[in-house]
Amino acid sequence: MIATLANVTTPTAASGPHPGPGTDPRRELGAALQRWACGADGPGIGVVRVLERHGFGSVESGQLLAGTSGGDVSGLLYLGALDDTARPLVTSVAGGGARVEQAQVAETPAVAAGLACAGGATLLGHTLPADAASALGEALEAARPAALLSTVDGAHALVLTGPELEHLHGSLGEASVRDEAVTAARGLLRRGATATEQVTAAGTDVLVDLWVPTPSVVVVGEGALGEALHGQARLLGWISRTVTGLDEARAAVQAFTDADVVVLLDHDPAFDAMLLDGLRHGRGFLGALGSRRTQSARRERLLAAGVTTEELEAIHGPVGLDLGARTPAETAVSIVAQVIALRAGRSASALAASGGRIGG
């Protein structure tokens, strides 16, 4: 049975150690999950996730805290601002069962933790069986795609791993719920972005936390714009590199995941082969720089090579959003903004004109 508790949290300081700036919290969490799963002799491992939230400004999706009944905890929720509620919750559910708790954080402690403003969250705590925890931990530590799905009451949990989330660990109860929820999670994976969403599967509400690898940006060609793109990638925590040869560019695109990005700066028609590889592979973001004339000539060459008009829509050229960019730095902003919008399934309109939730 699920127990619902209403707690008001106003932390004055983080209640425990948190990863430092030189560490990867997600990989550390993965290692901890595997370690605990190997020694689990009880119901499993407790996890705490975010069912709903309001305020706090922009926060990353995929927030997860995990722990054992003995008090060991790993992971982080909203930079530790919810620790006073989340840490006792994760310890309590590690022994079995599920709980939902409400947490509110006032402006001063929220800002002190590094958040933009005050807010509140509905937290779901539930048990994760050892085998599912081990599978999730292995994927997180290795920076591979993974998803944690559960009914919103925490009664059932399912972990998905693998490049296409093809490996299933656990259960969501009814097979119809599982099948629809897995399909929804795989649809989110196509966006190439970490996400936290609630979906309805066969009439059952399911919470989906999806983690995807950090995007890599391949810049094909050199110049000021390439350097600006590397700068933007660093700010976002993405990996980036420059390639100049056709063989290297083709190999990079052929190895793409959905999260990866290529920006073609070189106008040499030889690089059409790389774009053809990208279209056939069907993964990642394909962007190509160039004037309208350059884009038109490239389009005609690709059509002559057998690409359909519909397939050409997957090539973003001229790449970038219409921000009025004039400098290489501004153009780089427009390019990464387009990538972010597409990964999130957004139209890239002004926030003031949108009725959706700010911050994802």
Protein backbone atom coordinates (compact mmCIF):
# COMPACT_ATOMS: atom_id res chain seq x y z
CA MET A 1 0.00 0.00 0.00
CA ILE A 2 1.20 3.51 -0.78
CA ALA A 3 1.49 6.00 2.08
CA THR A 4 1.17 9.72 1.28
CA LEU A 5 2.88 12.12 3.65
CA ALA A 6 2.91 15.93 3.50
CA ASN A 7 6.22 17.35 4.63
CA VAL A 8 7.46 20.90 4.35
CA THR A 9 11.19 21.07 3.74
CA THR A 10 13.29 24.14 4.43
CA PRO A 11 16.86 22.86 4.48
CA THR A 12 19.60 25.03 5.82
CA ALA A 13 22.43 22.97 4.40
CA ALA A 14 22.97 19.85 2.35
CA SER A 15 22.58 16.84 4.63
CA GLY A 16 25.43 14.72 3.35
CA PRO A 17 28.30 14.65 0.91
CA HIS A 18 27.66 15.46 -2.74
CA PRO A 19 29.85 14.84 -5.78
CA GLY A 20 32.46 17.48 -6.44
CA PRO A 21 32.86 19.46 -9.67
CA GLY A 22 35.34 16.98 -11.14
CA THR A 23 33.10 13.93 -10.85
CA ASP A 24 30.22 12.51 -12.89
CA PRO A 25 27.31 11.97 -10.46
CA ARG A 26 25.46 9.69 -12.87
CA ARG A 27 28.40 7.31 -13.22
CA GLU A 28 29.02 7.36 -9.48
CA LEU A 29 25.35 6.50 -8.94
CA GLY A 30 25.66 3.62 -11.41
CA ALA A 31 28.66 2.20 -9.58
CA ALA A 32 26.83 2.44 -6.26
CA LEU A 33 23.74 0.67 -7.62
CA GLN A 34 25.85 -2.24 -8.84
CA ARG A 35 27.73 -2.47 -5.56
CA TRP A 36 24.54 -2.52 -3.50
CA ALA A 37 22.82 -4.97 -5.86
CA CYS A 38 25.68 -7.46 -5.42
CA GLY A 39 25.24 -7.40 -1.66
CA ALA A 40 21.45 -7.12 -1.52
CA ASP A 41 19.82 -9.76 0.66
CA GLY A 42 16.56 -7.93 1.30
CA PRO A 43 13.72 -6.55 -0.83
CA GLY A 44 16.05 -4.39 -2.89
CA ILE A 45 17.27 -0.81 -3.16
CA GLY A 46 15.28 2.35 -2.57
CA VAL A 47 14.98 5.08 -5.18
CA VAL A 48 13.41 8.54 -5.05
CA ARG A 49 12.23 10.30 -8.20
CA VAL A 50 10.29 13.43 -9.13
CA LEU A 51 6.63 12.89 -10.01
CA GLU A 52 5.71 16.56 -10.34
CA ARG A 53 7.42 19.86 -9.70
CA HIS A 54 6.74 23.57 -9.84
CA GLY A 55 9.22 26.41 -9.61
CA PHE A 56 12.99 26.00 -9.13
CA GLY A 57 13.68 27.42 -12.62
CA SER A 58 15.38 25.24 -15.20
CA VAL A 59 16.45 21.88 -13.81
CA GLU A 60 17.80 18.76 -15.47
CA SER A 61 15.52 15.82 -16.15
CA GLY A 62 16.38 12.36 -14.88
CA GLN A 63 16.82 13.34 -11.24
CA LEU A 64 17.39 10.21 -9.15
CA LEU A 65 18.43 9.40 -5.59
CA ALA A 66 19.11 5.82 -4.54
CA GLY A 67 20.05 4.20 -1.28
CA THR A 68 19.92 1.25 1.11
CA SER A 69 18.07 0.62 4.33
CA GLY A 70 21.41 0.96 6.10
CA GLY A 71 21.64 4.64 5.18
CA ASP A 72 24.00 4.57 2.19
CA VAL A 73 22.81 7.12 -0.41
CA SER A 74 24.01 8.12 -3.87
CA GLY A 75 22.70 10.50 -6.50
CA LEU A 76 21.30 13.98 -6.21
CA LEU A 77 17.89 15.67 -6.38
CA TYR A 78 17.81 19.37 -7.28
CA LEU A 79 21.33 20.06 -6.04
CA GLY A 80 20.53 18.75 -2.58
CA ALA A 81 17.75 21.25 -1.87
CA LEU A 82 15.30 18.39 -1.18
CA ASP A 83 17.67 16.33 0.97
CA ASP A 84 15.74 16.76 4.21
CA THR A 85 12.80 14.95 2.63
CA ALA A 86 14.45 12.80 -0.05
CA ARG A 87 17.17 11.11 2.00
CA PRO A 88 14.91 9.75 4.77
CA LEU A 89 12.44 8.71 2.07
CA VAL A 90 14.99 6.69 0.09
CA THR A 91 16.14 4.88 3.23
CA SER A 92 12.61 4.04 4.31
CA VAL A 93 11.49 2.57 0.97
CA ALA A 94 14.68 0.50 0.59
CA GLY A 95 13.12 -1.90 3.07
CA GLY A 96 10.07 -2.34 0.85
CA GLY A 97 6.91 -0.49 -0.13
CA ALA A 98 6.37 2.90 -1.70
CA ARG A 99 5.61 6.44 -0.55
CA VAL A 100 4.76 9.80 -2.03
CA GLU A 101 5.89 12.92 -0.20
CA GLN A 102 5.40 16.61 -0.87
CA ALA A 103 8.41 18.90 -0.43
CA GLN A 104 8.51 22.70 -0.50
CA VAL A 105 11.70 24.73 -0.58
CA ALA A 106 11.72 28.44 0.24
CA GLU A 107 13.55 31.05 -1.83
CA THR A 108 16.63 31.50 0.35
CA PRO A 109 17.62 27.82 0.72
CA ALA A 110 16.71 27.11 -2.92
CA VAL A 111 19.03 29.85 -4.18
CA ALA A 112 21.72 28.81 -1.70
CA ALA A 113 21.63 25.30 -3.19
CA GLY A 114 22.13 26.71 -6.68
CA LEU A 115 18.53 26.72 -7.94
CA ALA A 116 16.97 29.77 -9.55
CA CYS A 117 14.04 30.21 -7.18
CA ALA A 118 11.72 28.58 -4.66
CA GLY A 119 9.58 25.63 -5.63
CA GLY A 120 7.94 22.40 -4.68
CA ALA A 121 8.05 18.79 -5.77
CA THR A 122 6.06 15.60 -5.42
CA LEU A 123 8.55 12.83 -4.74
CA LEU A 124 7.94 9.14 -5.40
CA GLY A 125 9.96 6.68 -3.36
CA HIS A 126 9.82 2.98 -4.18
CA THR A 127 11.85 -0.21 -4.05
CA LEU A 128 13.95 -1.32 -7.01
CA PRO A 129 14.76 -5.06 -7.07
CA ALA A 130 18.44 -5.95 -7.06
CA ASP A 131 18.54 -7.34 -10.60
CA ALA A 132 16.88 -4.24 -12.06
CA ALA A 133 19.12 -1.98 -9.96
CA SER A 134 22.20 -3.80 -11.21
CA ALA A 135 21.14 -3.43 -14.86
CA LEU A 136 20.40 0.27 -14.40
CA GLY A 137 23.68 0.81 -12.57
CA GLU A 138 25.72 -0.90 -15.25
CA ALA A 139 24.16 1.27 -17.98
CA LEU A 140 24.59 4.52 -16.04
CA GLU A 141 28.21 3.82 -15.16
CA ALA A 142 29.01 2.95 -18.79
CA ALA A 143 27.12 6.03 -20.10
CA ARG A 144 24.68 3.91 -22.11
CA PRO A 145 20.98 4.60 -22.71
CA ALA A 146 18.74 3.47 -19.86
CA ALA A 147 15.25 4.09 -18.56
CA LEU A 148 13.47 3.51 -15.26
CA LEU A 149 9.70 3.08 -15.55
CA SER A 150 7.25 2.61 -12.71
CA THR A 151 3.57 2.92 -12.08
CA VAL A 152 2.97 6.21 -10.29
CA ASP A 153 2.07 4.37 -7.10
CA GLY A 154 5.49 2.72 -7.09
CA ALA A 155 4.00 -0.79 -7.01
CA HIS A 156 5.80 -1.97 -10.16
CA ALA A 157 9.13 -0.98 -11.70
CA LEU A 158 10.85 -1.81 -14.98
CA VAL A 159 14.37 -0.96 -16.18
CA LEU A 160 15.19 -0.71 -19.89
CA THR A 161 18.77 -0.85 -21.19
CA GLY A 162 20.57 -1.21 -24.51
CA PRO A 163 21.07 1.09 -27.51
CA GLU A 164 17.38 0.75 -28.40
CA LEU A 165 16.21 0.03 -24.83
CA GLU A 166 15.70 -3.53 -25.98
CA HIS A 167 16.62 -5.26 -22.69
CA LEU A 168 13.89 -5.42 -20.03
CA HIS A 169 14.47 -5.98 -16.31
CA GLY A 170 11.48 -6.08 -13.96
CA SER A 171 7.75 -5.71 -14.54
CA LEU A 172 4.96 -3.15 -14.84
CA GLY A 173 2.28 -5.69 -13.97
CA GLU A 174 -0.01 -6.13 -16.96
CA ALA A 175 1.65 -6.96 -20.27
CA SER A 176 -0.39 -4.30 -22.09
CA VAL A 177 0.87 -1.62 -19.69
CA ARG A 178 4.43 -2.79 -20.20
CA ASP A 179 4.18 -2.86 -23.98
CA GLU A 180 2.69 0.64 -24.31
CA ALA A 181 5.03 2.14 -21.72
CA VAL A 182 8.10 0.61 -23.39
CA THR A 183 6.96 1.97 -26.75
CA ALA A 184 6.60 5.43 -25.20
CA ALA A 185 10.08 5.25 -23.63
CA ARG A 186 11.62 4.24 -26.92
CA GLY A 187 9.83 7.15 -28.57
CA LEU A 188 11.42 9.50 -26.06
CA LEU A 189 14.80 7.95 -26.83
CA ARG A 190 14.44 9.08 -30.44
CA ARG A 191 14.61 12.67 -29.22
CA GLY A 192 18.12 11.97 -28.02
CA ALA A 193 17.69 13.77 -24.72
CA THR A 194 17.42 12.77 -21.07
CA ALA A 195 13.79 13.15 -20.03
CA THR A 196 11.35 12.75 -17.16
CA GLU A 197 7.73 12.33 -18.23
CA GLN A 198 4.49 10.72 -17.19
CA VAL A 199 2.73 8.65 -19.84
CA THR A 200 -0.54 6.76 -19.89
CA ALA A 201 -0.13 3.13 -20.89
CA ALA A 202 -3.23 0.95 -21.27
CA GLY A 203 -5.04 3.28 -18.87
CA THR A 204 -2.28 3.23 -16.25
CA ASP A 205 -0.15 6.26 -15.39
CA VAL A 206 3.56 5.48 -15.64
CA LEU A 207 6.53 7.63 -14.63
CA VAL A 208 9.40 7.43 -17.12
CA ASP A 209 12.94 8.56 -16.35
CA LEU A 210 15.16 8.23 -19.42
CA TRP A 211 18.90 8.79 -19.49
CA VAL A 212 20.84 9.16 -22.74
CA PRO A 213 24.58 9.58 -23.22
CA THR A 214 26.14 13.03 -23.37
CA PRO A 215 25.89 14.29 -26.97
CA SER A 216 28.97 14.43 -29.13
CA VAL A 217 29.34 17.14 -31.75
CA VAL A 218 31.37 16.41 -34.86
CA VAL A 219 32.38 19.57 -36.73
CA VAL A 220 33.35 18.77 -40.32
CA GLY A 221 35.70 21.50 -41.46
CA GLU A 222 37.70 24.23 -39.80
CA GLY A 223 37.29 27.93 -39.10
CA ALA A 224 35.96 30.47 -36.63
CA LEU A 225 32.50 28.91 -36.56
CA GLY A 226 33.98 25.54 -35.69
CA GLU A 227 35.83 27.06 -32.75
CA ALA A 228 32.64 28.80 -31.63
CA LEU A 229 30.75 25.50 -31.79
CA HIS A 230 33.37 23.87 -29.59
CA GLY A 231 32.93 26.70 -27.11
CA GLN A 232 29.16 26.20 -27.01
CA ALA A 233 29.60 22.44 -26.60
CA ARG A 234 31.89 22.99 -23.60
CA LEU A 235 29.32 25.26 -21.97
CA LEU A 236 26.67 22.56 -22.39
CA GLY A 237 28.89 19.76 -21.14
CA TRP A 238 28.88 18.10 -24.58
CA ILE A 239 31.83 16.39 -26.23
CA SER A 240 33.09 17.91 -29.50
CA ARG A 241 35.79 17.36 -32.08
CA THR A 242 36.79 18.52 -35.53
CA VAL A 243 37.35 16.23 -38.49
CA THR A 244 38.51 17.31 -41.92
CA GLY A 245 38.79 14.09 -43.94
CA LEU A 246 35.86 12.39 -45.66
CA ASP A 247 36.67 8.89 -44.37
CA GLU A 248 36.88 10.12 -40.77
CA ALA A 249 33.64 12.08 -41.14
CA ARG A 250 31.80 9.08 -42.59
CA ALA A 251 33.05 6.80 -39.82
CA ALA A 252 31.88 9.27 -37.18
CA VAL A 253 28.37 9.54 -38.63
CA GLN A 254 28.03 5.79 -39.12
CA ALA A 255 28.71 5.33 -35.39
CA PHE A 256 26.15 7.95 -34.33
CA THR A 257 23.57 7.51 -31.60
CA ASP A 258 20.36 9.54 -31.53
CA ALA A 259 22.05 12.04 -29.22
CA ASP A 260 24.91 12.91 -31.57
CA VAL A 261 25.34 15.94 -33.83
CA VAL A 262 27.25 16.65 -37.03
CA VAL A 263 27.67 20.14 -38.44
CA LEU A 264 29.06 20.21 -41.97
CA LEU A 265 31.04 23.40 -42.61
CA ASP A 266 32.93 22.18 -45.68
CA HIS A 267 31.11 22.85 -48.97
CA ASP A 268 33.02 20.19 -50.93
CA PRO A 269 30.46 17.97 -52.74
CA ALA A 270 32.48 14.94 -51.67
CA PHE A 271 30.91 15.26 -48.21
CA ASP A 272 27.52 14.40 -49.73
CA ALA A 273 28.60 10.81 -49.04
CA MET A 274 28.66 11.56 -45.31
CA LEU A 275 25.15 13.01 -45.44
CA LEU A 276 23.96 9.94 -47.34
CA ASP A 277 25.44 7.77 -44.60
CA GLY A 278 23.61 9.83 -42.00
CA LEU A 279 20.27 9.51 -43.82
CA ARG A 280 20.66 5.75 -44.17
CA HIS A 281 21.74 5.36 -40.56
CA GLY A 282 18.74 7.39 -39.39
CA ARG A 283 20.28 8.64 -36.16
CA GLY A 284 21.54 11.93 -34.83
CA PHE A 285 21.26 15.53 -35.97
CA LEU A 286 22.52 16.30 -39.48
CA GLY A 287 23.28 19.98 -39.97
CA ALA A 288 24.87 21.66 -42.98
CA LEU A 289 26.11 25.23 -43.28
CA GLY A 290 25.86 27.17 -46.52
CA SER A 291 24.05 29.86 -48.47
CA ARG A 292 20.72 29.25 -50.17
CA ARG A 293 22.60 28.63 -53.39
CA THR A 294 24.89 26.08 -51.72
CA GLN A 295 21.92 24.36 -50.11
CA SER A 296 20.05 24.21 -53.42
CA ALA A 297 23.02 22.68 -55.24
CA ARG A 298 23.49 20.11 -52.46
CA ARG A 299 19.80 19.28 -52.55
CA GLU A 300 19.89 18.62 -56.31
CA ARG A 301 22.92 16.37 -55.96
CA LEU A 302 21.31 14.32 -53.20
CA LEU A 303 18.06 13.97 -55.15
CA ALA A 304 20.07 12.76 -58.12
CA ALA A 305 21.69 10.21 -55.80
CA GLY A 306 18.27 8.73 -55.02
CA VAL A 307 17.33 10.58 -51.82
CA THR A 308 13.62 11.38 -51.60
CA THR A 309 12.20 14.81 -50.83
CA GLU A 310 10.89 13.48 -47.51
CA GLU A 311 14.30 12.08 -46.54
CA LEU A 312 15.93 15.44 -47.23
CA GLU A 313 13.88 16.93 -44.40
CA ALA A 314 16.25 15.16 -41.99
CA ILE A 315 19.11 17.41 -43.14
CA HIS A 316 18.95 20.76 -41.37
CA GLY A 317 20.32 23.21 -43.88
CA PRO A 318 20.94 26.04 -43.53
CA VAL A 319 21.58 24.81 -40.01
CA GLY A 320 20.49 26.91 -37.03
CA LEU A 321 17.48 28.90 -35.85
CA ASP A 322 16.59 32.28 -37.33
CA LEU A 323 17.98 34.42 -34.51
CA GLY A 324 19.46 37.10 -36.71
CA ALA A 325 22.95 35.77 -35.98
CA ARG A 326 25.80 37.74 -37.56
CA THR A 327 29.00 36.56 -35.88
CA PRO A 328 30.44 33.03 -35.59
CA ALA A 329 29.60 33.02 -31.87
CA GLU A 330 26.00 34.02 -32.52
CA THR A 331 25.69 31.46 -35.31
CA ALA A 332 26.98 28.76 -32.97
CA VAL A 333 24.28 29.74 -30.47
CA SER A 334 21.63 29.43 -33.17
CA ILE A 335 22.89 25.95 -34.11
CA VAL A 336 22.98 24.48 -30.61
CA ALA A 337 19.61 26.12 -29.90
CA GLN A 338 18.12 24.21 -32.82
CA VAL A 339 19.64 20.96 -31.56
CA ILE A 340 18.25 21.53 -28.06
CA ALA A 341 14.78 22.38 -29.39
CA LEU A 342 14.60 19.30 -31.60
CA ARG A 343 15.85 17.00 -28.85
CA ALA A 344 13.14 18.33 -26.56
CA GLY A 345 10.41 18.18 -29.20
CA ARG A 346 9.83 21.93 -28.99
CA SER A 347 9.06 24.47 -31.70
CA ALA A 348 11.69 26.96 -30.51
CA SER A 349 9.16 29.78 -30.20
CA ALA A 350 9.47 32.55 -27.62
CA LEU A 351 8.70 31.47 -24.05
CA ALA A 352 6.24 34.34 -23.71
CA ALA A 353 4.24 32.91 -26.63
CA SER A 354 4.22 29.38 -25.22
CA GLY A 355 1.75 27.86 -22.80
CA GLY A 356 4.07 24.98 -21.84
CA ARG A 357 6.02 24.60 -18.63
CA ILE A 358 9.16 26.72 -18.49
CA GLY A 359 12.30 24.66 -18.05
CA GLY A 360 11.17 21.46 -19.77
